[in-house]
């Protein structure tokens, strides 16, 4: 099994993404990459904060990447937050 799962944050409620990340950890993934782009960047950060609040010391921030891509002639910003379950 791959060591890393991924949650792409979109327009669903925050609780759905919390459950998705929890399922990935329960399936045995050690790391989860949270991706948010455009208007969903703040929701991706909120997801990290909610997971950190619930999991406390069992969750570790590994890396944060920010940047932008050109999509259909427009510049779209993104954030990638890599978290890890501490054992």
PDB file of N, CA and C in Angstrom:
ATOM      1  N   UNK A   1       0.844  -1.186   0.000  1.00  0.00           N
ATOM      2  CA  UNK A   1       0.000   0.000   0.000  1.00  0.00           C
ATOM      3  C   UNK A   1       0.884   1.242   0.000  1.00  0.00           C
ATOM      4  N   UNK A   2       0.434   2.263  -0.666  1.00  0.00           N
ATOM      5  CA  UNK A   2       1.143   3.534  -0.687  1.00  0.00           C
ATOM      6  C   UNK A   2       1.197   4.139   0.710  1.00  0.00           C
ATOM      7  N   UNK A   3       2.242   4.863   0.973  1.00  0.00           N
ATOM      8  CA  UNK A   3       2.426   5.462   2.287  1.00  0.00           C
ATOM      9  C   UNK A   3       1.637   6.753   2.436  1.00  0.00           C
ATOM     10  N   UNK A   4       1.210   7.358   1.333  1.00  0.00           N
ATOM     11  CA  UNK A   4       0.591   8.678   1.384  1.00  0.00           C
ATOM     12  C   UNK A   4      -0.766   8.699   0.699  1.00  0.00           C
ATOM     13  N   UNK A   5      -1.782   9.226   1.401  1.00  0.00           N
ATOM     14  CA  UNK A   5      -3.099   9.442   0.827  1.00  0.00           C
ATOM     15  C   UNK A   5      -3.263  10.917   0.496  1.00  0.00           C
ATOM     16  N   UNK A   6      -4.380  11.254  -0.119  1.00  0.00           N
ATOM     17  CA  UNK A   6      -4.590  12.643  -0.543  1.00  0.00           C
ATOM     18  C   UNK A   6      -6.045  13.046  -0.349  1.00  0.00           C
ATOM     19  N   UNK A   7      -6.228  14.267   0.155  1.00  0.00           N
ATOM     20  CA  UNK A   7      -7.552  14.866   0.291  1.00  0.00           C
ATOM     21  C   UNK A   7      -7.524  16.182  -0.483  1.00  0.00           C
ATOM     22  N   UNK A   8      -8.324  16.274  -1.547  1.00  0.00           N
ATOM     23  CA  UNK A   8      -8.435  17.518  -2.313  1.00  0.00           C
ATOM     24  C   UNK A   8      -9.668  18.264  -1.826  1.00  0.00           C
ATOM     25  N   UNK A   9      -9.451  19.437  -1.267  1.00  0.00           N
ATOM     26  CA  UNK A   9     -10.524  20.219  -0.663  1.00  0.00           C
ATOM     27  C   UNK A   9     -11.281  20.974  -1.755  1.00  0.00           C
ATOM     28  N   UNK A  10     -12.593  20.842  -1.718  1.00  0.00           N
ATOM     29  CA  UNK A  10     -13.451  21.511  -2.691  1.00  0.00           C
ATOM     30  C   UNK A  10     -14.606  22.203  -2.004  1.00  0.00           C
ATOM     31  N   UNK A  11     -15.809  22.036  -2.547  1.00  0.00           N
ATOM     32  CA  UNK A  11     -16.968  22.786  -2.062  1.00  0.00           C
ATOM     33  C   UNK A  11     -17.802  22.051  -1.019  1.00  0.00           C
ATOM     34  N   UNK A  12     -17.432  20.822  -0.669  1.00  0.00           N
ATOM     35  CA  UNK A  12     -18.187  20.077   0.345  1.00  0.00           C
ATOM     36  C   UNK A  12     -17.970  20.708   1.731  1.00  0.00           C
ATOM     37  N   UNK A  13     -18.805  20.359   2.692  1.00  0.00           N
ATOM     38  CA  UNK A  13     -18.605  20.866   4.060  1.00  0.00           C
ATOM     39  C   UNK A  13     -17.298  20.341   4.655  1.00  0.00           C
ATOM     40  N   UNK A  14     -16.718  21.107   5.557  1.00  0.00           N
ATOM     41  CA  UNK A  14     -15.445  20.766   6.176  1.00  0.00           C
ATOM     42  C   UNK A  14     -15.486  19.389   6.841  1.00  0.00           C
ATOM     43  N   UNK A  15     -16.595  19.053   7.463  1.00  0.00           N
ATOM     44  CA  UNK A  15     -16.724  17.771   8.142  1.00  0.00           C
ATOM     45  C   UNK A  15     -16.495  16.587   7.228  1.00  0.00           C
ATOM     46  N   UNK A  16     -16.888  16.694   5.963  1.00  0.00           N
ATOM     47  CA  UNK A  16     -16.671  15.612   5.001  1.00  0.00           C
ATOM     48  C   UNK A  16     -15.183  15.353   4.797  1.00  0.00           C
ATOM     49  N   UNK A  17     -14.379  16.416   4.764  1.00  0.00           N
ATOM     50  CA  UNK A  17     -12.943  16.276   4.558  1.00  0.00           C
ATOM     51  C   UNK A  17     -12.249  15.757   5.815  1.00  0.00           C
ATOM     52  N   UNK A  18     -12.771  16.115   6.974  1.00  0.00           N
ATOM     53  CA  UNK A  18     -12.239  15.566   8.226  1.00  0.00           C
ATOM     54  C   UNK A  18     -12.425  14.059   8.240  1.00  0.00           C
ATOM     55  N   UNK A  19     -13.608  13.606   7.862  1.00  0.00           N
ATOM     56  CA  UNK A  19     -13.895  12.168   7.804  1.00  0.00           C
ATOM     57  C   UNK A  19     -12.999  11.495   6.760  1.00  0.00           C
ATOM     58  N   UNK A  20     -12.805  12.122   5.613  1.00  0.00           N
ATOM     59  CA  UNK A  20     -11.952  11.546   4.568  1.00  0.00           C
ATOM     60  C   UNK A  20     -10.526  11.342   5.060  1.00  0.00           C
ATOM     61  N   UNK A  21      -9.983  12.340   5.749  1.00  0.00           N
ATOM     62  CA  UNK A  21      -8.619  12.228   6.275  1.00  0.00           C
ATOM     63  C   UNK A  21      -8.548  11.138   7.341  1.00  0.00           C
ATOM     64  N   UNK A  22      -9.554  11.077   8.215  1.00  0.00           N
ATOM     65  CA  UNK A  22      -9.576  10.048   9.260  1.00  0.00           C
ATOM     66  C   UNK A  22      -9.645   8.651   8.646  1.00  0.00           C
ATOM     67  N   UNK A  23     -10.426   8.494   7.588  1.00  0.00           N
ATOM     68  CA  UNK A  23     -10.525   7.193   6.914  1.00  0.00           C
ATOM     69  C   UNK A  23      -9.174   6.793   6.332  1.00  0.00           C
ATOM     70  N   UNK A  24      -8.472   7.743   5.714  1.00  0.00           N
ATOM     71  CA  UNK A  24      -7.157   7.434   5.151  1.00  0.00           C
ATOM     72  C   UNK A  24      -6.187   6.974   6.233  1.00  0.00           C
ATOM     73  N   UNK A  25      -6.176   7.664   7.371  1.00  0.00           N
ATOM     74  CA  UNK A  25      -5.306   7.249   8.468  1.00  0.00           C
ATOM     75  C   UNK A  25      -5.706   5.866   8.975  1.00  0.00           C
ATOM     76  N   UNK A  26      -7.000   5.605   9.079  1.00  0.00           N
ATOM     77  CA  UNK A  26      -7.478   4.308   9.560  1.00  0.00           C
ATOM     78  C   UNK A  26      -7.198   3.170   8.572  1.00  0.00           C
ATOM     79  N   UNK A  27      -7.061   3.508   7.302  1.00  0.00           N
ATOM     80  CA  UNK A  27      -6.728   2.507   6.287  1.00  0.00           C
ATOM     81  C   UNK A  27      -5.241   2.176   6.292  1.00  0.00           C
ATOM     82  N   UNK A  28      -4.474   2.861   7.120  1.00  0.00           N
ATOM     83  CA  UNK A  28      -3.053   2.545   7.237  1.00  0.00           C
ATOM     84  C   UNK A  28      -2.108   3.536   6.596  1.00  0.00           C
ATOM     85  N   UNK A  29      -2.629   4.581   5.992  1.00  0.00           N
ATOM     86  CA  UNK A  29      -1.743   5.594   5.427  1.00  0.00           C
ATOM     87  C   UNK A  29      -1.053   6.344   6.558  1.00  0.00           C
ATOM     88  N   UNK A  30       0.250   6.502   6.441  1.00  0.00           N
ATOM     89  CA  UNK A  30       1.005   7.227   7.467  1.00  0.00           C
ATOM     90  C   UNK A  30       0.935   8.744   7.226  1.00  0.00           C
ATOM     91  N   UNK A  31       0.888   9.140   5.968  1.00  0.00           N
ATOM     92  CA  UNK A  31       0.852  10.564   5.607  1.00  0.00           C
ATOM     93  C   UNK A  31      -0.382  10.870   4.761  1.00  0.00           C
ATOM     94  N   UNK A  32      -0.876  12.100   4.908  1.00  0.00           N
ATOM     95  CA  UNK A  32      -2.004  12.577   4.107  1.00  0.00           C
ATOM     96  C   UNK A  32      -1.643  13.958   3.571  1.00  0.00           C
ATOM     97  N   UNK A  33      -1.822  14.141   2.279  1.00  0.00           N
ATOM     98  CA  UNK A  33      -1.584  15.423   1.632  1.00  0.00           C
ATOM     99  C   UNK A  33      -2.924  16.136   1.479  1.00  0.00           C
ATOM    100  N   UNK A  34      -3.031  17.316   2.058  1.00  0.00           N
ATOM    101  CA  UNK A  34      -4.228  18.151   1.937  1.00  0.00           C
ATOM    102  C   UNK A  34      -3.954  19.175   0.848  1.00  0.00           C
ATOM    103  N   UNK A  35      -4.798  19.189  -0.180  1.00  0.00           N
ATOM    104  CA  UNK A  35      -4.624  20.140  -1.279  1.00  0.00           C
ATOM    105  C   UNK A  35      -5.833  21.071  -1.354  1.00  0.00           C
ATOM    106  N   UNK A  36      -5.557  22.340  -1.511  1.00  0.00           N
ATOM    107  CA  UNK A  36      -6.609  23.322  -1.724  1.00  0.00           C
ATOM    108  C   UNK A  36      -6.141  24.330  -2.752  1.00  0.00           C
ATOM    109  N   UNK A  37      -7.042  24.756  -3.623  1.00  0.00           N
ATOM    110  CA  UNK A  37      -6.648  25.772  -4.600  1.00  0.00           C
ATOM    111  C   UNK A  37      -7.710  26.847  -4.697  1.00  0.00           C
ATOM    112  N   UNK A  38      -7.284  28.020  -5.098  1.00  0.00           N
ATOM    113  CA  UNK A  38      -8.197  29.149  -5.256  1.00  0.00           C
ATOM    114  C   UNK A  38      -8.903  29.508  -3.962  1.00  0.00           C
ATOM    115  N   UNK A  39     -10.218  29.583  -4.028  1.00  0.00           N
ATOM    116  CA  UNK A  39     -11.016  29.966  -2.862  1.00  0.00           C
ATOM    117  C   UNK A  39     -11.020  28.912  -1.761  1.00  0.00           C
ATOM    118  N   UNK A  40     -10.545  27.715  -2.046  1.00  0.00           N
ATOM    119  CA  UNK A  40     -10.554  26.635  -1.065  1.00  0.00           C
ATOM    120  C   UNK A  40      -9.257  26.529  -0.257  1.00  0.00           C
ATOM    121  N   UNK A  41      -8.338  27.458  -0.452  1.00  0.00           N
ATOM    122  CA  UNK A  41      -7.101  27.459   0.328  1.00  0.00           C
ATOM    123  C   UNK A  41      -7.418  27.608   1.808  1.00  0.00           C
ATOM    124  N   UNK A  42      -8.299  28.528   2.152  1.00  0.00           N
ATOM    125  CA  UNK A  42      -8.623  28.743   3.571  1.00  0.00           C
ATOM    126  C   UNK A  42      -9.309  27.519   4.170  1.00  0.00           C
ATOM    127  N   UNK A  43     -10.089  26.794   3.375  1.00  0.00           N
ATOM    128  CA  UNK A  43     -10.741  25.580   3.877  1.00  0.00           C
ATOM    129  C   UNK A  43      -9.709  24.471   4.111  1.00  0.00           C
ATOM    130  N   UNK A  44      -8.674  24.421   3.273  1.00  0.00           N
ATOM    131  CA  UNK A  44      -7.603  23.441   3.472  1.00  0.00           C
ATOM    132  C   UNK A  44      -6.863  23.723   4.779  1.00  0.00           C
ATOM    133  N   UNK A  45      -6.605  24.987   5.070  1.00  0.00           N
ATOM    134  CA  UNK A  45      -5.956  25.362   6.332  1.00  0.00           C
ATOM    135  C   UNK A  45      -6.882  25.048   7.504  1.00  0.00           C
ATOM    136  N   UNK A  46      -8.167  25.324   7.352  1.00  0.00           N
ATOM    137  CA  UNK A  46      -9.137  25.008   8.400  1.00  0.00           C
ATOM    138  C   UNK A  46      -9.196  23.507   8.649  1.00  0.00           C
ATOM    139  N   UNK A  47      -9.070  22.700   7.600  1.00  0.00           N
ATOM    140  CA  UNK A  47      -9.046  21.250   7.745  1.00  0.00           C
ATOM    141  C   UNK A  47      -7.841  20.819   8.562  1.00  0.00           C
ATOM    142  N   UNK A  48      -6.672  21.358   8.255  1.00  0.00           N
ATOM    143  CA  UNK A  48      -5.486  21.030   9.045  1.00  0.00           C
ATOM    144  C   UNK A  48      -5.700  21.396  10.507  1.00  0.00           C
ATOM    145  N   UNK A  49      -6.201  22.602  10.758  1.00  0.00           N
ATOM    146  CA  UNK A  49      -6.412  23.052  12.136  1.00  0.00           C
ATOM    147  C   UNK A  49      -7.424  22.167  12.870  1.00  0.00           C
ATOM    148  N   UNK A  50      -8.480  21.745  12.194  1.00  0.00           N
ATOM    149  CA  UNK A  50      -9.481  20.880  12.818  1.00  0.00           C
ATOM    150  C   UNK A  50      -8.884  19.508  13.148  1.00  0.00           C
ATOM    151  N   UNK A  51      -8.080  18.968  12.238  1.00  0.00           N
ATOM    152  CA  UNK A  51      -7.444  17.680  12.498  1.00  0.00           C
ATOM    153  C   UNK A  51      -6.443  17.785  13.647  1.00  0.00           C
ATOM    154  N   UNK A  52      -5.695  18.877  13.679  1.00  0.00           N
ATOM    155  CA  UNK A  52      -4.717  19.080  14.749  1.00  0.00           C
ATOM    156  C   UNK A  52      -5.413  19.205  16.098  1.00  0.00           C
ATOM    157  N   UNK A  53      -6.556  19.885  16.111  1.00  0.00           N
ATOM    158  CA  UNK A  53      -7.322  20.041  17.346  1.00  0.00           C
ATOM    159  C   UNK A  53      -7.835  18.696  17.846  1.00  0.00           C
ATOM    160  N   UNK A  54      -8.278  17.849  16.938  1.00  0.00           N
ATOM    161  CA  UNK A  54      -8.842  16.553  17.318  1.00  0.00           C
ATOM    162  C   UNK A  54      -7.770  15.520  17.660  1.00  0.00           C
ATOM    163  N   UNK A  55      -6.663  15.537  16.900  1.00  0.00           N
ATOM    164  CA  UNK A  55      -5.653  14.499  17.077  1.00  0.00           C
ATOM    165  C   UNK A  55      -4.504  14.914  17.991  1.00  0.00           C
ATOM    166  N   UNK A  56      -4.338  16.206  18.201  1.00  0.00           N
ATOM    167  CA  UNK A  56      -3.309  16.709  19.108  1.00  0.00           C
ATOM    168  C   UNK A  56      -1.904  16.263  18.718  1.00  0.00           C
ATOM    169  N   UNK A  57      -1.197  15.698  19.680  1.00  0.00           N
ATOM    170  CA  UNK A  57       0.192  15.290  19.469  1.00  0.00           C
ATOM    171  C   UNK A  57       0.333  14.098  18.533  1.00  0.00           C
ATOM    172  N   UNK A  58      -0.772  13.443  18.203  1.00  0.00           N
ATOM    173  CA  UNK A  58      -0.721  12.301  17.290  1.00  0.00           C
ATOM    174  C   UNK A  58      -0.580  12.733  15.831  1.00  0.00           C
ATOM    175  N   UNK A  59      -0.634  14.036  15.582  1.00  0.00           N
ATOM    176  CA  UNK A  59      -0.541  14.571  14.223  1.00  0.00           C
ATOM    177  C   UNK A  59       0.667  15.493  14.142  1.00  0.00           C
ATOM    178  N   UNK A  60       1.433  15.358  13.053  1.00  0.00           N
ATOM    179  CA  UNK A  60       2.624  16.179  12.880  1.00  0.00           C
ATOM    180  C   UNK A  60       2.600  16.825  11.495  1.00  0.00           C
ATOM    181  N   UNK A  61       2.918  18.112  11.457  1.00  0.00           N
ATOM    182  CA  UNK A  61       3.029  18.845  10.198  1.00  0.00           C
ATOM    183  C   UNK A  61       4.389  18.536   9.584  1.00  0.00           C
ATOM    184  N   UNK A  62       4.387  18.001   8.360  1.00  0.00           N
ATOM    185  CA  UNK A  62       5.627  17.609   7.702  1.00  0.00           C
ATOM    186  C   UNK A  62       6.119  18.706   6.770  1.00  0.00           C
ATOM    187  N   UNK A  63       5.213  19.241   5.935  1.00  0.00           N
ATOM    188  CA  UNK A  63       5.626  20.207   4.922  1.00  0.00           C
ATOM    189  C   UNK A  63       4.425  21.027   4.467  1.00  0.00           C
ATOM    190  N   UNK A  64       4.691  22.258   4.054  1.00  0.00           N
ATOM    191  CA  UNK A  64       3.672  23.120   3.456  1.00  0.00           C
ATOM    192  C   UNK A  64       4.275  23.711   2.187  1.00  0.00           C
ATOM    193  N   UNK A  65       3.556  23.572   1.086  1.00  0.00           N
ATOM    194  CA  UNK A  65       3.995  24.151  -0.183  1.00  0.00           C
ATOM    195  C   UNK A  65       2.901  25.070  -0.701  1.00  0.00           C
ATOM    196  N   UNK A  66       3.306  26.221  -1.176  1.00  0.00           N
ATOM    197  CA  UNK A  66       2.357  27.141  -1.797  1.00  0.00           C
ATOM    198  C   UNK A  66       2.898  27.522  -3.165  1.00  0.00           C
ATOM    199  N   UNK A  67       1.992  27.886  -4.041  1.00  0.00           N
ATOM    200  CA  UNK A  67       2.409  28.282  -5.375  1.00  0.00           C
ATOM    201  C   UNK A  67       1.208  28.639  -6.223  1.00  0.00           C
ATOM    202  N   UNK A  68       1.442  28.699  -7.519  1.00  0.00           N
ATOM    203  CA  UNK A  68       0.351  29.001  -8.443  1.00  0.00           C
ATOM    204  C   UNK A  68       0.616  28.324  -9.775  1.00  0.00           C
ATOM    205  N   UNK A  69      -0.470  28.023 -10.468  1.00  0.00           N
ATOM    206  CA  UNK A  69      -0.432  27.406 -11.795  1.00  0.00           C
ATOM    207  C   UNK A  69      -1.320  28.209 -12.726  1.00  0.00           C
ATOM    208  N   UNK A  70      -1.016  28.131 -14.010  1.00  0.00           N
ATOM    209  CA  UNK A  70      -1.886  28.757 -14.998  1.00  0.00           C
ATOM    210  C   UNK A  70      -2.905  27.721 -15.447  1.00  0.00           C
ATOM    211  N   UNK A  71      -4.181  28.044 -15.265  1.00  0.00           N
ATOM    212  CA  UNK A  71      -5.269  27.157 -15.656  1.00  0.00           C
ATOM    213  C   UNK A  71      -6.200  27.933 -16.573  1.00  0.00           C
ATOM    214  N   UNK A  72      -6.286  27.486 -17.817  1.00  0.00           N
ATOM    215  CA  UNK A  72      -7.142  28.151 -18.811  1.00  0.00           C
ATOM    216  C   UNK A  72      -6.912  29.660 -18.875  1.00  0.00           C
ATOM    217  N   UNK A  73      -5.650  30.049 -18.888  1.00  0.00           N
ATOM    218  CA  UNK A  73      -5.303  31.460 -19.030  1.00  0.00           C
ATOM    219  C   UNK A  73      -5.392  32.273 -17.748  1.00  0.00           C
ATOM    220  N   UNK A  74      -5.690  31.638 -16.622  1.00  0.00           N
ATOM    221  CA  UNK A  74      -5.776  32.347 -15.344  1.00  0.00           C
ATOM    222  C   UNK A  74      -4.771  31.760 -14.369  1.00  0.00           C
ATOM    223  N   UNK A  75      -4.273  32.584 -13.487  1.00  0.00           N
ATOM    224  CA  UNK A  75      -3.351  32.132 -12.453  1.00  0.00           C
ATOM    225  C   UNK A  75      -4.177  31.690 -11.249  1.00  0.00           C
ATOM    226  N   UNK A  76      -3.986  30.429 -10.828  1.00  0.00           N
ATOM    227  CA  UNK A  76      -4.718  29.867  -9.697  1.00  0.00           C
ATOM    228  C   UNK A  76      -3.703  29.473  -8.624  1.00  0.00           C
ATOM    229  N   UNK A  77      -3.846  30.040  -7.438  1.00  0.00           N
ATOM    230  CA  UNK A  77      -2.967  29.723  -6.324  1.00  0.00           C
ATOM    231  C   UNK A  77      -3.374  28.402  -5.684  1.00  0.00           C
ATOM    232  N   UNK A  78      -2.415  27.745  -5.021  1.00  0.00           N
ATOM    233  CA  UNK A  78      -2.711  26.495  -4.332  1.00  0.00           C
ATOM    234  C   UNK A  78      -1.875  26.388  -3.062  1.00  0.00           C
ATOM    235  N   UNK A  79      -2.307  25.486  -2.190  1.00  0.00           N
ATOM    236  CA  UNK A  79      -1.546  25.128  -1.004  1.00  0.00           C
ATOM    237  C   UNK A  79      -1.587  23.608  -0.877  1.00  0.00           C
ATOM    238  N   UNK A  80      -0.475  23.040  -0.470  1.00  0.00           N
ATOM    239  CA  UNK A  80      -0.381  21.613  -0.184  1.00  0.00           C
ATOM    240  C   UNK A  80       0.191  21.463   1.212  1.00  0.00           C
ATOM    241  N   UNK A  81      -0.562  20.803   2.076  1.00  0.00           N
ATOM    242  CA  UNK A  81      -0.162  20.613   3.465  1.00  0.00           C
ATOM    243  C   UNK A  81       0.019  19.114   3.683  1.00  0.00           C
ATOM    244  N   UNK A  82       1.252  18.706   3.979  1.00  0.00           N
ATOM    245  CA  UNK A  82       1.546  17.295   4.211  1.00  0.00           C
ATOM    246  C   UNK A  82       1.583  17.044   5.720  1.00  0.00           C
ATOM    247  N   UNK A  83       0.717  16.144   6.170  1.00  0.00           N
ATOM    248  CA  UNK A  83       0.653  15.806   7.588  1.00  0.00           C
ATOM    249  C   UNK A  83       0.986  14.329   7.772  1.00  0.00           C
ATOM    250  N   UNK A  84       1.396  14.004   8.980  1.00  0.00           N
ATOM    251  CA  UNK A  84       1.812  12.645   9.279  1.00  0.00           C
ATOM    252  C   UNK A  84       1.263  12.221  10.620  1.00  0.00           C
ATOM    253  N   UNK A  85       0.855  11.001  10.685  1.00  0.00           N
ATOM    254  CA  UNK A  85       0.377  10.444  11.950  1.00  0.00           C
ATOM    255  C   UNK A  85       1.600  10.009  12.755  1.00  0.00           C
ATOM    256  N   UNK A  86       1.767  10.571  13.931  1.00  0.00           N
ATOM    257  CA  UNK A  86       2.903  10.229  14.780  1.00  0.00           C
ATOM    258  C   UNK A  86       2.540   8.995  15.595  1.00  0.00           C
ATOM    259  N   UNK A  87       3.458   8.071  15.681  1.00  0.00           N
ATOM    260  CA  UNK A  87       3.206   6.834  16.421  1.00  0.00           C
ATOM    261  C   UNK A  87       3.956   6.832  17.718  1.00  0.00           C
TER     262      UNK A  87
END
